[in-house]
Amino acid sequence: MLGVLFDYPNLDILEASVEDLTFQENSLNGIPVISGVMLASGQILATKKVVITTGTFLSGEIHIGQCLFKISPEQYPTSTRISPPPRVRTP
């Protein structure tokens, strides 16, 4: 199945942690529209479409007794910035 995705025309696949969404004002009605995503590295990838999927590691928390740890299973990093409701960010 991965071969099908990697060979699909006009589809770029990148494994990275998305930290935020970027928006720009729609010139027709003033409503913000998606303009890209900001990666954990700070790099912004411009795009007109974004697919958001949920995962185990969004705002990952582990509770052990009274202790709370911001972590995910198998020590993978969590994504905490994109977990709250998206904020409008203009470039």
C-alpha atoms as a PDB file:
ATOM      1  CA  MET A   1       0.000   0.000   0.000  1.00  0.00           C
ATOM      2  CA  LEU A   2       2.850   2.413   0.746  1.00  0.00           C
ATOM      3  CA  GLY A   3       4.137   1.914  -2.784  1.00  0.00           C
ATOM      4  CA  VAL A   4       0.790   3.085  -4.151  1.00  0.00           C
ATOM      5  CA  LEU A   5       0.919   6.230  -2.012  1.00  0.00           C
ATOM      6  CA  PHE A   6       4.549   7.040  -2.817  1.00  0.00           C
ATOM      7  CA  ASP A   7       3.860   6.613  -6.550  1.00  0.00           C
ATOM      8  CA  TYR A   8       0.664   8.703  -6.502  1.00  0.00           C
ATOM      9  CA  PRO A   9       0.993  11.787  -8.747  1.00  0.00           C
ATOM     10  CA  ASN A  10       1.080  15.231  -7.087  1.00  0.00           C
ATOM     11  CA  LEU A  11       1.221  13.731  -3.581  1.00  0.00           C
ATOM     12  CA  ASP A  12       4.147  14.493  -1.297  1.00  0.00           C
ATOM     13  CA  ILE A  13       4.519  12.424   1.864  1.00  0.00           C
ATOM     14  CA  LEU A  14       6.541  13.828   4.752  1.00  0.00           C
ATOM     15  CA  GLU A  15       6.900  12.408   8.252  1.00  0.00           C
ATOM     16  CA  ALA A  16       7.084  15.318  10.683  1.00  0.00           C
ATOM     17  CA  SER A  17       5.426  16.708  13.769  1.00  0.00           C
ATOM     18  CA  VAL A  18       2.945  19.495  12.966  1.00  0.00           C
ATOM     19  CA  GLU A  19       2.834  22.092  15.726  1.00  0.00           C
ATOM     20  CA  ASP A  20       0.411  24.659  14.324  1.00  0.00           C
ATOM     21  CA  LEU A  21      -1.762  25.670  11.396  1.00  0.00           C
ATOM     22  CA  THR A  22      -1.371  28.892   9.409  1.00  0.00           C
ATOM     23  CA  PHE A  23      -4.203  30.854   7.854  1.00  0.00           C
ATOM     24  CA  GLN A  24      -4.656  33.781   5.524  1.00  0.00           C
ATOM     25  CA  GLU A  25      -7.673  35.993   5.030  1.00  0.00           C
ATOM     26  CA  ASN A  26      -9.931  35.063   2.125  1.00  0.00           C
ATOM     27  CA  SER A  27     -10.038  38.103  -0.171  1.00  0.00           C
ATOM     28  CA  LEU A  28     -13.671  37.424  -1.146  1.00  0.00           C
ATOM     29  CA  ASN A  29     -15.309  37.264   2.272  1.00  0.00           C
ATOM     30  CA  GLY A  30     -12.599  37.955   4.865  1.00  0.00           C
ATOM     31  CA  ILE A  31     -12.920  34.492   6.427  1.00  0.00           C
ATOM     32  CA  PRO A  32      -9.553  32.892   7.262  1.00  0.00           C
ATOM     33  CA  VAL A  33      -8.602  29.891   5.126  1.00  0.00           C
ATOM     34  CA  ILE A  34      -5.836  27.348   5.677  1.00  0.00           C
ATOM     35  CA  SER A  35      -2.530  28.404   4.139  1.00  0.00           C
ATOM     36  CA  GLY A  36      -0.086  25.923   5.635  1.00  0.00           C
ATOM     37  CA  VAL A  37       1.276  24.006   8.583  1.00  0.00           C
ATOM     38  CA  MET A  38       4.150  24.829  10.916  1.00  0.00           C
ATOM     39  CA  LEU A  39       6.427  21.912  11.763  1.00  0.00           C
ATOM     40  CA  ALA A  40       8.198  21.383  15.085  1.00  0.00           C
ATOM     41  CA  SER A  41      11.374  22.602  13.367  1.00  0.00           C
ATOM     42  CA  GLY A  42       9.682  25.969  12.708  1.00  0.00           C
ATOM     43  CA  GLN A  43       9.522  25.326   8.967  1.00  0.00           C
ATOM     44  CA  ILE A  44       6.211  26.354   7.394  1.00  0.00           C
ATOM     45  CA  LEU A  45       4.867  24.247   4.548  1.00  0.00           C
ATOM     46  CA  ALA A  46       2.416  26.120   2.324  1.00  0.00           C
ATOM     47  CA  THR A  47      -0.674  24.158   1.322  1.00  0.00           C
ATOM     48  CA  LYS A  48      -4.293  24.620   0.336  1.00  0.00           C
ATOM     49  CA  LYS A  49      -5.480  21.396   1.976  1.00  0.00           C
ATOM     50  CA  VAL A  50      -4.668  19.710   5.286  1.00  0.00           C
ATOM     51  CA  VAL A  51      -5.805  16.316   6.540  1.00  0.00           C
ATOM     52  CA  ILE A  52      -5.937  16.214  10.329  1.00  0.00           C
ATOM     53  CA  THR A  53      -5.921  12.814  11.965  1.00  0.00           C
ATOM     54  CA  THR A  54      -6.095  12.001  15.641  1.00  0.00           C
ATOM     55  CA  GLY A  55      -3.403   9.978  17.260  1.00  0.00           C
ATOM     56  CA  THR A  56      -2.250   8.528  20.519  1.00  0.00           C
ATOM     57  CA  PHE A  57       0.378  11.181  21.032  1.00  0.00           C
ATOM     58  CA  LEU A  58      -1.715  14.381  20.969  1.00  0.00           C
ATOM     59  CA  SER A  59      -1.352  15.954  24.436  1.00  0.00           C
ATOM     60  CA  GLY A  60      -0.030  12.624  25.674  1.00  0.00           C
ATOM     61  CA  GLU A  61      -0.294  12.223  29.427  1.00  0.00           C
ATOM     62  CA  ILE A  62       0.532   9.308  31.684  1.00  0.00           C
ATOM     63  CA  HIS A  63      -0.791   9.258  35.254  1.00  0.00           C
ATOM     64  CA  ILE A  64       1.079   7.255  37.893  1.00  0.00           C
ATOM     65  CA  GLY A  65      -0.531   7.827  41.278  1.00  0.00           C
ATOM     66  CA  GLN A  66      -0.605  11.578  41.863  1.00  0.00           C
ATOM     67  CA  CYS A  67       2.126  12.208  39.269  1.00  0.00           C
ATOM     68  CA  LEU A  68       1.362  13.398  35.753  1.00  0.00           C
ATOM     69  CA  PHE A  69       3.890  13.001  32.938  1.00  0.00           C
ATOM     70  CA  LYS A  70       3.651  14.690  29.516  1.00  0.00           C
ATOM     71  CA  ILE A  71       4.804  11.742  27.463  1.00  0.00           C
ATOM     72  CA  SER A  72       3.457   9.063  25.196  1.00  0.00           C
ATOM     73  CA  PRO A  73       3.850   5.310  24.989  1.00  0.00           C
ATOM     74  CA  GLU A  74       7.291   4.083  23.953  1.00  0.00           C
ATOM     75  CA  GLN A  75       8.833   7.525  24.700  1.00  0.00           C
ATOM     76  CA  TYR A  76       7.601   9.099  21.444  1.00  0.00           C
ATOM     77  CA  PRO A  77       7.277  12.888  21.726  1.00  0.00           C
ATOM     78  CA  THR A  78       3.838  14.383  22.180  1.00  0.00           C
ATOM     79  CA  SER A  79       2.328  17.217  20.189  1.00  0.00           C
ATOM     80  CA  THR A  80       0.847  19.703  22.629  1.00  0.00           C
ATOM     81  CA  ARG A  81       0.658  22.897  20.555  1.00  0.00           C
ATOM     82  CA  ILE A  82      -1.812  21.602  17.969  1.00  0.00           C
ATOM     83  CA  SER A  83      -3.960  19.754  20.520  1.00  0.00           C
ATOM     84  CA  PRO A  84      -5.934  22.772  21.774  1.00  0.00           C
ATOM     85  CA  PRO A  85      -8.449  24.332  19.381  1.00  0.00           C
ATOM     86  CA  PRO A  86      -6.545  25.846  16.441  1.00  0.00           C
ATOM     87  CA  ARG A  87      -5.739  29.555  16.701  1.00  0.00           C
ATOM     88  CA  VAL A  88      -5.865  31.831  13.725  1.00  0.00           C
ATOM     89  CA  ARG A  89      -2.283  32.647  12.718  1.00  0.00           C
ATOM     90  CA  THR A  90      -1.538  34.857   9.773  1.00  0.00           C
ATOM     91  CA  PRO A  91       1.897  34.845   8.136  1.00  0.00           C
END
